Amino acid sequence: MKLMEALKKGWILVSDGAWGTFLHEKGLKPGECPELWNLTHPEEVLDIARSYVEAGSDIIETNSFGANRIKLRHYGLENRAREINQKAGEISREAAGEDRIVLGSMGPTGKFLITGEVTEEELLEAFSEQAVALEQGGVDAVCIETMTALDEALIAVKAVREYTDLEIVCTFTFDRMADGTYRTIMGVSPSEMAKALIEAGAHVIGTNCGNGMGPMVDIVREIRSVAKDIPILVHANAGKPIVQEGKTVFPETPEEMANQVSELIRAGANVIGGCCGTTPQHIRAMREVVDKHLLNL
C-alpha cells in the first residue's frame, strides 16, 4: 500500500513515535551520531522499528533524520551518507514488511541560506543524495521534517521530486507567539507553509515536534483553512519538555495524548503519530482511538 493510495481511500493512518529516546535507552552516548547506528548497531535499530509495528503503526520512519552529508560532516561521516541512508531504509523495510508504509526521515541541515552558510546547490546535492539512497533502501515516501525555513524545505522537496519517484511529506515545527499565533523560528506561519508546499508539489504537509497534542489542533486548523484537500500529518511531542532531577522529561502520558486524537481528526489531520518523548505505549493508545473513529464512520 502506498501512502497516497491509502489516504485517498479516506483512511486515518497511525504513524510511529520517537526514535532518539529509544536510541539513548539502548546506549547511544551524548555526542554520538544516531544515524551511524544503522551500520554499527542494526539489530537495535531494527528492534525500535519492530516495536512500533507491534504497537500498531501503519507507517514506520527511518533512523535517518540527520543523515544528510552537511549534518554528517560534524561527525566526519559525510562520505558515508549514501551508505547510512540506504541501510536506514533497509532496516525499516525489514521491520515493516510489505503491508506497512516506510517513510524516510529527512531533517534540516542546520545551515541557513540567509546567512550564507550554505548554497542552494549544496542543499540540493545533499538532499538528493539522501533521498536517492533512501529510495534504494526501500522506502515508500520521505518525510522532510522539523523544517523552519521555507527556502530549505522547498529545495528538499525539489530534490525528491527531481531525483526520485517517492511521495513527499513535509512538516514544519511551529512555536506559539505572544499574540497566540504560530510561527517557526524563521517567521513562517502554518498557512504560509501550506501554500508554498502545495505549489512546490508536496503530497502531504503538516507539523511535527515543538508541541504536544493540544497546540497541534490549532496548527492543523490553520493549515486546513487554506488547504482544503491535501492530507495533513501530525507528529506531536509528548507535551512540552520539562527538567526533572537533571533529566529532560516529556510529561504527556499515552492516555493524555490519545484523549486529544479525536479532536485532531476533527480539525483535519489524516496521519497521526508521535515525536520527542513518545513511545510504543503512546502509539498503541492512539491506535485504539483511531480504530474506534474508523468503526464509527
C-alpha atoms as a PDB file:
ATOM      1  CA  MET A   1       0.000   0.000   0.000  1.00  0.00           C
ATOM      2  CA  LYS A   2       1.349   3.411  -0.982  1.00  0.00           C
ATOM      3  CA  LEU A   3       0.826   6.414   1.257  1.00  0.00           C
ATOM      4  CA  MET A   4      -1.388   8.439  -1.082  1.00  0.00           C
ATOM      5  CA  GLU A   5      -3.298   5.341  -2.135  1.00  0.00           C
ATOM      6  CA  ALA A   6      -4.271   4.722   1.489  1.00  0.00           C
ATOM      7  CA  LEU A   7      -5.125   8.361   2.164  1.00  0.00           C
ATOM      8  CA  LYS A   8      -7.304   8.619  -0.938  1.00  0.00           C
ATOM      9  CA  LYS A   9      -9.380   5.788   0.496  1.00  0.00           C
ATOM     10  CA  GLY A  10     -10.195   8.068   3.422  1.00  0.00           C
ATOM     11  CA  TRP A  11      -8.143   6.151   5.977  1.00  0.00           C
ATOM     12  CA  ILE A  12      -6.748   7.793   9.085  1.00  0.00           C
ATOM     13  CA  LEU A  13      -3.228   6.420   9.410  1.00  0.00           C
ATOM     14  CA  VAL A  14      -1.199   5.963  12.579  1.00  0.00           C
ATOM     15  CA  SER A  15       2.490   6.739  12.335  1.00  0.00           C
ATOM     16  CA  ASP A  16       5.258   5.785  14.757  1.00  0.00           C
ATOM     17  CA  GLY A  17       6.853   7.656  17.666  1.00  0.00           C
ATOM     18  CA  ALA A  18      10.216   8.910  18.868  1.00  0.00           C
ATOM     19  CA  TRP A  19      13.459   7.291  17.780  1.00  0.00           C
ATOM     20  CA  GLY A  20      16.069   9.334  19.643  1.00  0.00           C
ATOM     21  CA  THR A  21      14.504   8.499  23.006  1.00  0.00           C
ATOM     22  CA  PHE A  22      14.812   4.811  22.223  1.00  0.00           C
ATOM     23  CA  LEU A  23      18.360   5.038  20.926  1.00  0.00           C
ATOM     24  CA  HIS A  24      19.539   6.701  24.141  1.00  0.00           C
ATOM     25  CA  GLU A  25      17.806   3.990  26.169  1.00  0.00           C
ATOM     26  CA  LYS A  26      19.739   1.423  24.148  1.00  0.00           C
ATOM     27  CA  GLY A  27      23.073   3.096  24.872  1.00  0.00           C
ATOM     28  CA  LEU A  28      23.569   5.940  22.401  1.00  0.00           C
ATOM     29  CA  LYS A  29      26.014   8.297  24.070  1.00  0.00           C
ATOM     30  CA  PRO A  30      25.742  12.120  24.091  1.00  0.00           C
ATOM     31  CA  GLY A  31      27.614  13.470  21.080  1.00  0.00           C
ATOM     32  CA  GLU A  32      27.434  10.154  19.210  1.00  0.00           C
ATOM     33  CA  CYS A  33      25.914  10.060  15.722  1.00  0.00           C
ATOM     34  CA  PRO A  34      22.475   8.383  15.977  1.00  0.00           C
ATOM     35  CA  GLU A  35      22.331   7.534  12.281  1.00  0.00           C
ATOM     36  CA  LEU A  36      25.662   5.672  12.363  1.00  0.00           C
ATOM     37  CA  TRP A  37      23.871   3.069  14.464  1.00  0.00           C
ATOM     38  CA  ASN A  38      22.276   1.817  11.237  1.00  0.00           C
ATOM     39  CA  LEU A  39      25.709   0.411  10.421  1.00  0.00           C
ATOM     40  CA  THR A  40      27.144  -0.321  13.861  1.00  0.00           C
ATOM     41  CA  HIS A  41      24.016  -1.450  15.764  1.00  0.00           C
ATOM     42  CA  PRO A  42      21.497  -2.546  13.104  1.00  0.00           C
ATOM     43  CA  GLU A  43      19.717  -5.025  15.381  1.00  0.00           C
ATOM     44  CA  GLU A  44      18.997  -2.331  17.970  1.00  0.00           C
ATOM     45  CA  VAL A  45      17.620  -0.023  15.271  1.00  0.00           C
ATOM     46  CA  LEU A  46      15.533  -2.873  13.864  1.00  0.00           C
ATOM     47  CA  ASP A  47      14.149  -3.541  17.334  1.00  0.00           C
ATOM     48  CA  ILE A  48      12.924   0.064  17.573  1.00  0.00           C
ATOM     49  CA  ALA A  49      11.150  -0.174  14.240  1.00  0.00           C
ATOM     50  CA  ARG A  50       9.586  -3.508  15.169  1.00  0.00           C
ATOM     51  CA  SER A  51       8.335  -2.109  18.470  1.00  0.00           C
ATOM     52  CA  TYR A  52       6.242   0.419  16.560  1.00  0.00           C
ATOM     53  CA  VAL A  53       4.965  -2.240  14.180  1.00  0.00           C
ATOM     54  CA  GLU A  54       3.827  -4.236  17.203  1.00  0.00           C
ATOM     55  CA  ALA A  55       2.199  -1.102  18.664  1.00  0.00           C
ATOM     56  CA  GLY A  56       0.008  -0.802  15.565  1.00  0.00           C
ATOM     57  CA  SER A  57       1.738   1.801  13.410  1.00  0.00           C
ATOM     58  CA  ASP A  58       0.700   1.901   9.757  1.00  0.00           C
ATOM     59  CA  ILE A  59       3.793   3.971   8.990  1.00  0.00           C
ATOM     60  CA  ILE A  60       7.367   3.320  10.104  1.00  0.00           C
ATOM     61  CA  GLU A  61      10.010   6.013   9.750  1.00  0.00           C
ATOM     62  CA  THR A  62      13.741   5.501   9.294  1.00  0.00           C
ATOM     63  CA  ASN A  63      16.697   6.337  11.510  1.00  0.00           C
ATOM     64  CA  SER A  64      17.978   8.934   9.057  1.00  0.00           C
ATOM     65  CA  PHE A  65      16.809  12.318  10.388  1.00  0.00           C
ATOM     66  CA  GLY A  66      20.299  13.856  10.443  1.00  0.00           C
ATOM     67  CA  ALA A  67      21.838  11.748   7.705  1.00  0.00           C
ATOM     68  CA  ASN A  68      22.365  14.413   5.055  1.00  0.00           C
ATOM     69  CA  ARG A  69      26.017  14.958   4.178  1.00  0.00           C
ATOM     70  CA  ILE A  70      26.029  18.512   5.590  1.00  0.00           C
ATOM     71  CA  LYS A  71      24.856  17.366   9.017  1.00  0.00           C
ATOM     72  CA  LEU A  72      27.072  14.258   8.936  1.00  0.00           C
ATOM     73  CA  ARG A  73      30.115  16.453   8.349  1.00  0.00           C
ATOM     74  CA  HIS A  74      30.047  17.242  12.078  1.00  0.00           C
ATOM     75  CA  TYR A  75      30.988  13.601  12.738  1.00  0.00           C
ATOM     76  CA  GLY A  76      33.376  13.233   9.802  1.00  0.00           C
ATOM     77  CA  LEU A  77      30.854  10.932   8.130  1.00  0.00           C
ATOM     78  CA  GLU A  78      29.818  12.999   5.115  1.00  0.00           C
ATOM     79  CA  ASN A  79      31.247  10.429   2.691  1.00  0.00           C
ATOM     80  CA  ARG A  80      29.090   7.691   4.223  1.00  0.00           C
ATOM     81  CA  ALA A  81      25.757   9.468   3.726  1.00  0.00           C
ATOM     82  CA  ARG A  82      24.590   7.167   0.943  1.00  0.00           C
ATOM     83  CA  GLU A  83      25.541   4.023   2.865  1.00  0.00           C
ATOM     84  CA  ILE A  84      23.883   5.198   6.096  1.00  0.00           C
ATOM     85  CA  ASN A  85      20.622   6.201   4.407  1.00  0.00           C
ATOM     86  CA  GLN A  86      20.312   3.086   2.309  1.00  0.00           C
ATOM     87  CA  LYS A  87      20.795   0.927   5.398  1.00  0.00           C
ATOM     88  CA  ALA A  88      18.227   3.012   7.284  1.00  0.00           C
ATOM     89  CA  GLY A  89      15.688   2.246   4.582  1.00  0.00           C
ATOM     90  CA  GLU A  90      16.534  -1.444   4.536  1.00  0.00           C
ATOM     91  CA  ILE A  91      16.150  -1.782   8.317  1.00  0.00           C
ATOM     92  CA  SER A  92      12.722  -0.119   8.462  1.00  0.00           C
ATOM     93  CA  ARG A  93      11.607  -2.012   5.361  1.00  0.00           C
ATOM     94  CA  GLU A  94      12.517  -5.289   7.055  1.00  0.00           C
ATOM     95  CA  ALA A  95      10.511  -4.346  10.135  1.00  0.00           C
ATOM     96  CA  ALA A  96       7.525  -3.016   8.192  1.00  0.00           C
ATOM     97  CA  GLY A  97       7.200  -5.840   5.709  1.00  0.00           C
ATOM     98  CA  GLU A  98       5.141  -5.151   2.615  1.00  0.00           C
ATOM     99  CA  ASP A  99       1.858  -4.212   4.287  1.00  0.00           C
ATOM    100  CA  ARG A 100       3.068  -1.077   6.070  1.00  0.00           C
ATOM    101  CA  ILE A 101       4.400   2.190   4.700  1.00  0.00           C
ATOM    102  CA  VAL A 102       8.051   3.144   5.212  1.00  0.00           C
ATOM    103  CA  LEU A 103       8.701   6.868   5.490  1.00  0.00           C
ATOM    104  CA  GLY A 104      12.278   8.040   5.044  1.00  0.00           C
ATOM    105  CA  SER A 105      13.115  10.744   7.577  1.00  0.00           C
ATOM    106  CA  MET A 106      14.950  13.804   6.208  1.00  0.00           C
ATOM    107  CA  GLY A 107      15.702  16.578   8.684  1.00  0.00           C
ATOM    108  CA  PRO A 108      17.208  20.036   8.151  1.00  0.00           C
ATOM    109  CA  THR A 109      20.899  20.583   7.544  1.00  0.00           C
ATOM    110  CA  GLY A 110      21.336  23.040  10.382  1.00  0.00           C
ATOM    111  CA  LYS A 111      22.674  25.631   7.909  1.00  0.00           C
ATOM    112  CA  PHE A 112      20.771  28.633   6.576  1.00  0.00           C
ATOM    113  CA  LEU A 113      20.840  30.162   3.119  1.00  0.00           C
ATOM    114  CA  ILE A 114      20.079  33.596   4.540  1.00  0.00           C
ATOM    115  CA  THR A 115      23.366  33.625   6.484  1.00  0.00           C
ATOM    116  CA  GLY A 116      25.457  32.370   3.574  1.00  0.00           C
ATOM    117  CA  GLU A 117      26.494  29.211   5.459  1.00  0.00           C
ATOM    118  CA  VAL A 118      25.377  27.040   2.562  1.00  0.00           C
ATOM    119  CA  THR A 119      24.409  27.435  -1.100  1.00  0.00           C
ATOM    120  CA  GLU A 120      21.300  26.257  -2.918  1.00  0.00           C
ATOM    121  CA  GLU A 121      23.458  23.869  -4.927  1.00  0.00           C
ATOM    122  CA  GLU A 122      24.927  22.316  -1.777  1.00  0.00           C
ATOM    123  CA  LEU A 123      21.459  21.823  -0.286  1.00  0.00           C
ATOM    124  CA  LEU A 124      20.112  20.276  -3.480  1.00  0.00           C
ATOM    125  CA  GLU A 125      23.073  17.909  -3.682  1.00  0.00           C
ATOM    126  CA  ALA A 126      22.757  16.861  -0.043  1.00  0.00           C
ATOM    127  CA  PHE A 127      19.015  16.263  -0.119  1.00  0.00           C
ATOM    128  CA  SER A 128      19.030  14.491  -3.472  1.00  0.00           C
ATOM    129  CA  GLU A 129      21.815  12.156  -2.336  1.00  0.00           C
ATOM    130  CA  GLN A 130      19.863  11.308   0.817  1.00  0.00           C
ATOM    131  CA  ALA A 131      16.558  10.799  -0.986  1.00  0.00           C
ATOM    132  CA  VAL A 132      18.062   8.549  -3.661  1.00  0.00           C
ATOM    133  CA  ALA A 133      19.764   6.388  -1.033  1.00  0.00           C
ATOM    134  CA  LEU A 134      16.560   6.084   0.997  1.00  0.00           C
ATOM    135  CA  GLU A 135      14.698   5.050  -2.144  1.00  0.00           C
ATOM    136  CA  GLN A 136      17.347   2.422  -2.860  1.00  0.00           C
ATOM    137  CA  GLY A 137      16.856   1.191   0.713  1.00  0.00           C
ATOM    138  CA  GLY A 138      13.187   0.515   0.042  1.00  0.00           C
ATOM    139  CA  VAL A 139      11.217   3.460   1.492  1.00  0.00           C
ATOM    140  CA  ASP A 140       7.820   4.333   0.006  1.00  0.00           C
ATOM    141  CA  ALA A 141       7.947   8.067   0.702  1.00  0.00           C
ATOM    142  CA  VAL A 142      10.051  10.643   2.506  1.00  0.00           C
ATOM    143  CA  CYS A 143       9.190  12.938   5.387  1.00  0.00           C
ATOM    144  CA  ILE A 144      11.075  16.222   5.142  1.00  0.00           C
ATOM    145  CA  GLU A 145      10.544  17.176   8.771  1.00  0.00           C
ATOM    146  CA  THR A 146      11.242  19.683  11.548  1.00  0.00           C
ATOM    147  CA  MET A 147      11.710  22.400   8.959  1.00  0.00           C
ATOM    148  CA  THR A 148      11.683  26.086   9.887  1.00  0.00           C
ATOM    149  CA  ALA A 149      12.881  27.849   6.710  1.00  0.00           C
ATOM    150  CA  LEU A 150      10.792  27.787   3.542  1.00  0.00           C
ATOM    151  CA  ASP A 151      13.768  28.076   1.193  1.00  0.00           C
ATOM    152  CA  GLU A 152      15.474  24.982   2.604  1.00  0.00           C
ATOM    153  CA  ALA A 153      12.248  22.966   2.656  1.00  0.00           C
ATOM    154  CA  LEU A 154      11.419  23.876  -0.936  1.00  0.00           C
ATOM    155  CA  ILE A 155      14.873  22.784  -2.099  1.00  0.00           C
ATOM    156  CA  ALA A 156      14.411  19.468  -0.281  1.00  0.00           C
ATOM    157  CA  VAL A 157      11.032  18.958  -1.968  1.00  0.00           C
ATOM    158  CA  LYS A 158      12.596  19.799  -5.330  1.00  0.00           C
ATOM    159  CA  ALA A 159      15.406  17.296  -4.723  1.00  0.00           C
ATOM    160  CA  VAL A 160      12.995  14.465  -4.010  1.00  0.00           C
ATOM    161  CA  ARG A 161      10.735  15.321  -6.953  1.00  0.00           C
ATOM    162  CA  GLU A 162      13.572  15.597  -9.470  1.00  0.00           C
ATOM    163  CA  TYR A 163      15.743  12.663  -8.409  1.00  0.00           C
ATOM    164  CA  THR A 164      13.278  10.014  -7.138  1.00  0.00           C
ATOM    165  CA  ASP A 165       9.782   8.630  -7.623  1.00  0.00           C
ATOM    166  CA  LEU A 166       8.970   8.896  -3.923  1.00  0.00           C
ATOM    167  CA  GLU A 167       5.872  10.513  -2.452  1.00  0.00           C
ATOM    168  CA  ILE A 168       6.669  13.589  -0.367  1.00  0.00           C
ATOM    169  CA  VAL A 169       5.589  14.567   3.139  1.00  0.00           C
ATOM    170  CA  CYS A 170       6.877  17.876   4.515  1.00  0.00           C
ATOM    171  CA  THR A 171       6.331  19.136   8.050  1.00  0.00           C
ATOM    172  CA  PHE A 172       7.371  22.291   9.886  1.00  0.00           C
ATOM    173  CA  THR A 173       7.907  22.982  13.579  1.00  0.00           C
ATOM    174  CA  PHE A 174       5.952  25.939  14.954  1.00  0.00           C
ATOM    175  CA  ASP A 175       6.140  27.890  18.211  1.00  0.00           C
ATOM    176  CA  ARG A 176       3.294  29.781  19.842  1.00  0.00           C
ATOM    177  CA  MET A 177       3.866  33.547  19.725  1.00  0.00           C
ATOM    178  CA  ALA A 178       2.862  36.095  22.378  1.00  0.00           C
ATOM    179  CA  ASP A 179      -0.213  37.023  20.332  1.00  0.00           C
ATOM    180  CA  GLY A 180      -1.393  33.406  20.222  1.00  0.00           C
ATOM    181  CA  THR A 181      -0.417  32.750  16.605  1.00  0.00           C
ATOM    182  CA  TYR A 182       2.080  30.097  15.497  1.00  0.00           C
ATOM    183  CA  ARG A 183       5.285  30.647  13.543  1.00  0.00           C
ATOM    184  CA  THR A 184       8.611  28.945  13.002  1.00  0.00           C
ATOM    185  CA  ILE A 185      11.822  30.489  14.305  1.00  0.00           C
ATOM    186  CA  MET A 186      12.251  31.851  10.776  1.00  0.00           C
ATOM    187  CA  GLY A 187       8.843  33.555  10.903  1.00  0.00           C
ATOM    188  CA  VAL A 188       6.845  31.147   8.725  1.00  0.00           C
ATOM    189  CA  SER A 189       3.174  30.652   9.626  1.00  0.00           C
ATOM    190  CA  PRO A 190       1.253  27.377   9.080  1.00  0.00           C
ATOM    191  CA  SER A 191      -0.816  28.932   6.296  1.00  0.00           C
ATOM    192  CA  GLU A 192       2.272  30.327   4.538  1.00  0.00           C
ATOM    193  CA  MET A 193       3.905  26.914   4.764  1.00  0.00           C
ATOM    194  CA  ALA A 194       0.838  25.178   3.355  1.00  0.00           C
ATOM    195  CA  LYS A 195       0.516  27.432   0.304  1.00  0.00           C
ATOM    196  CA  ALA A 196       4.208  27.199  -0.573  1.00  0.00           C
ATOM    197  CA  LEU A 197       4.492  23.438  -0.163  1.00  0.00           C
ATOM    198  CA  ILE A 198       1.366  22.713  -2.171  1.00  0.00           C
ATOM    199  CA  GLU A 199       2.696  24.855  -5.009  1.00  0.00           C
ATOM    200  CA  ALA A 200       6.047  23.021  -4.777  1.00  0.00           C
ATOM    201  CA  GLY A 201       4.346  19.650  -5.202  1.00  0.00           C
ATOM    202  CA  ALA A 202       4.347  18.070  -1.741  1.00  0.00           C
ATOM    203  CA  HIS A 203       1.787  15.269  -1.415  1.00  0.00           C
ATOM    204  CA  VAL A 204       1.243  15.580   2.354  1.00  0.00           C
ATOM    205  CA  ILE A 205       2.001  18.537   4.631  1.00  0.00           C
ATOM    206  CA  GLY A 206       1.848  19.085   8.359  1.00  0.00           C
ATOM    207  CA  THR A 207       3.655  19.734  11.589  1.00  0.00           C
ATOM    208  CA  ASN A 208       5.943  17.883  13.967  1.00  0.00           C
ATOM    209  CA  CYS A 209       7.883  18.432  17.177  1.00  0.00           C
ATOM    210  CA  GLY A 210       7.827  21.510  19.378  1.00  0.00           C
ATOM    211  CA  ASN A 211       4.303  20.979  20.693  1.00  0.00           C
ATOM    212  CA  GLY A 212       2.090  18.476  22.449  1.00  0.00           C
ATOM    213  CA  MET A 213      -1.259  17.384  21.054  1.00  0.00           C
ATOM    214  CA  GLY A 214      -3.252  20.441  22.176  1.00  0.00           C
ATOM    215  CA  PRO A 215      -1.381  23.114  20.187  1.00  0.00           C
ATOM    216  CA  MET A 216      -1.250  20.783  17.184  1.00  0.00           C
ATOM    217  CA  VAL A 217      -5.040  21.036  16.912  1.00  0.00           C
ATOM    218  CA  ASP A 218      -4.812  24.804  16.408  1.00  0.00           C
ATOM    219  CA  ILE A 219      -1.996  24.442  13.875  1.00  0.00           C
ATOM    220  CA  VAL A 220      -3.948  21.851  11.866  1.00  0.00           C
ATOM    221  CA  ARG A 221      -6.998  24.114  11.834  1.00  0.00           C
ATOM    222  CA  GLU A 222      -4.944  26.950  10.349  1.00  0.00           C
ATOM    223  CA  ILE A 223      -3.439  24.665   7.710  1.00  0.00           C
ATOM    224  CA  ARG A 224      -6.861  23.305   6.823  1.00  0.00           C
ATOM    225  CA  SER A 225      -8.287  26.826   6.499  1.00  0.00           C
ATOM    226  CA  VAL A 226      -6.129  27.404   3.402  1.00  0.00           C
ATOM    227  CA  ALA A 227      -5.644  23.801   2.244  1.00  0.00           C
ATOM    228  CA  LYS A 228      -8.977  22.026   1.981  1.00  0.00           C
ATOM    229  CA  ASP A 229      -7.909  18.824   0.263  1.00  0.00           C
ATOM    230  CA  ILE A 230      -4.259  17.960   0.893  1.00  0.00           C
ATOM    231  CA  PRO A 231      -3.629  15.312   3.599  1.00  0.00           C
ATOM    232  CA  ILE A 232      -2.156  16.603   6.864  1.00  0.00           C
ATOM    233  CA  LEU A 233       0.331  14.696   9.047  1.00  0.00           C
ATOM    234  CA  VAL A 234       0.965  15.432  12.723  1.00  0.00           C
ATOM    235  CA  HIS A 235       3.851  14.067  14.807  1.00  0.00           C
ATOM    236  CA  ALA A 236       3.347  15.622  18.255  1.00  0.00           C
ATOM    237  CA  ASN A 237       5.708  15.602  21.205  1.00  0.00           C
ATOM    238  CA  ALA A 238       4.561  14.017  24.443  1.00  0.00           C
ATOM    239  CA  GLY A 239       3.974  17.523  25.785  1.00  0.00           C
ATOM    240  CA  LYS A 240       6.388  20.377  26.340  1.00  0.00           C
ATOM    241  CA  PRO A 241       9.686  19.133  27.811  1.00  0.00           C
ATOM    242  CA  ILE A 242      10.445  19.808  31.471  1.00  0.00           C
ATOM    243  CA  VAL A 243      13.580  19.132  33.506  1.00  0.00           C
ATOM    244  CA  GLN A 244      13.238  16.752  36.453  1.00  0.00           C
ATOM    245  CA  GLU A 245      16.263  15.762  38.519  1.00  0.00           C
ATOM    246  CA  GLY A 246      18.572  16.932  35.764  1.00  0.00           C
ATOM    247  CA  LYS A 247      16.801  14.974  33.023  1.00  0.00           C
ATOM    248  CA  THR A 248      14.576  16.219  30.206  1.00  0.00           C
ATOM    249  CA  VAL A 249      11.129  14.659  30.550  1.00  0.00           C
ATOM    250  CA  PHE A 250       8.125  14.806  28.240  1.00  0.00           C
ATOM    251  CA  PRO A 251       5.121  14.731  30.585  1.00  0.00           C
ATOM    252  CA  GLU A 252       2.108  13.719  28.482  1.00  0.00           C
ATOM    253  CA  THR A 253       1.010  10.154  29.186  1.00  0.00           C
ATOM    254  CA  PRO A 254      -0.288   7.816  26.472  1.00  0.00           C
ATOM    255  CA  GLU A 255      -3.826   8.383  27.732  1.00  0.00           C
ATOM    256  CA  GLU A 256      -3.453  12.179  27.716  1.00  0.00           C
ATOM    257  CA  MET A 257      -2.209  12.180  24.128  1.00  0.00           C
ATOM    258  CA  ALA A 258      -4.824   9.689  22.992  1.00  0.00           C
ATOM    259  CA  ASN A 259      -7.618  11.758  24.531  1.00  0.00           C
ATOM    260  CA  GLN A 260      -6.894  14.529  22.019  1.00  0.00           C
ATOM    261  CA  VAL A 261      -6.684  12.352  18.904  1.00  0.00           C
ATOM    262  CA  SER A 262     -10.385  12.672  18.057  1.00  0.00           C
ATOM    263  CA  GLU A 263     -10.168  16.464  18.208  1.00  0.00           C
ATOM    264  CA  LEU A 264      -7.112  16.358  15.970  1.00  0.00           C
ATOM    265  CA  ILE A 265      -9.026  14.270  13.428  1.00  0.00           C
ATOM    266  CA  ARG A 266     -11.963  16.677  13.545  1.00  0.00           C
ATOM    267  CA  ALA A 267      -9.530  19.549  12.913  1.00  0.00           C
ATOM    268  CA  GLY A 268      -8.431  17.828   9.713  1.00  0.00           C
ATOM    269  CA  ALA A 269      -5.478  15.532  10.453  1.00  0.00           C
ATOM    270  CA  ASN A 270      -5.142  12.412   8.300  1.00  0.00           C
ATOM    271  CA  VAL A 271      -1.942  10.896   9.732  1.00  0.00           C
ATOM    272  CA  ILE A 272      -1.209  10.960  13.454  1.00  0.00           C
ATOM    273  CA  GLY A 273       1.902   9.856  15.291  1.00  0.00           C
ATOM    274  CA  GLY A 274       4.487  10.978  17.800  1.00  0.00           C
ATOM    275  CA  CYS A 275       7.735  12.873  18.019  1.00  0.00           C
ATOM    276  CA  CYS A 276      10.002  13.535  21.023  1.00  0.00           C
ATOM    277  CA  GLY A 277       9.145  11.625  24.161  1.00  0.00           C
ATOM    278  CA  THR A 278       6.549   9.340  22.611  1.00  0.00           C
ATOM    279  CA  THR A 279       6.826   5.572  22.989  1.00  0.00           C
ATOM    280  CA  PRO A 280       5.120   2.464  21.615  1.00  0.00           C
ATOM    281  CA  GLN A 281       2.664   2.831  24.507  1.00  0.00           C
ATOM    282  CA  HIS A 282       1.673   6.282  23.224  1.00  0.00           C
ATOM    283  CA  ILE A 283       1.235   4.916  19.709  1.00  0.00           C
ATOM    284  CA  ARG A 284      -0.813   1.961  20.933  1.00  0.00           C
ATOM    285  CA  ALA A 285      -3.168   4.332  22.756  1.00  0.00           C
ATOM    286  CA  MET A 286      -3.549   6.475  19.627  1.00  0.00           C
ATOM    287  CA  ARG A 287      -4.203   3.351  17.569  1.00  0.00           C
ATOM    288  CA  GLU A 288      -7.144   2.425  19.771  1.00  0.00           C
ATOM    289  CA  VAL A 289      -8.755   5.839  19.314  1.00  0.00           C
ATOM    290  CA  VAL A 290      -8.221   5.845  15.559  1.00  0.00           C
ATOM    291  CA  ASP A 291      -9.709   2.363  15.262  1.00  0.00           C
ATOM    292  CA  LYS A 292     -12.814   3.456  17.146  1.00  0.00           C
ATOM    293  CA  HIS A 293     -13.120   6.501  14.902  1.00  0.00           C
ATOM    294  CA  LEU A 294     -12.898   4.371  11.760  1.00  0.00           C
ATOM    295  CA  LEU A 295     -15.539   1.971  13.074  1.00  0.00           C
ATOM    296  CA  ASN A 296     -17.925   4.890  13.556  1.00  0.00           C
ATOM    297  CA  LEU A 297     -17.555   6.268  10.027  1.00  0.00           C
END
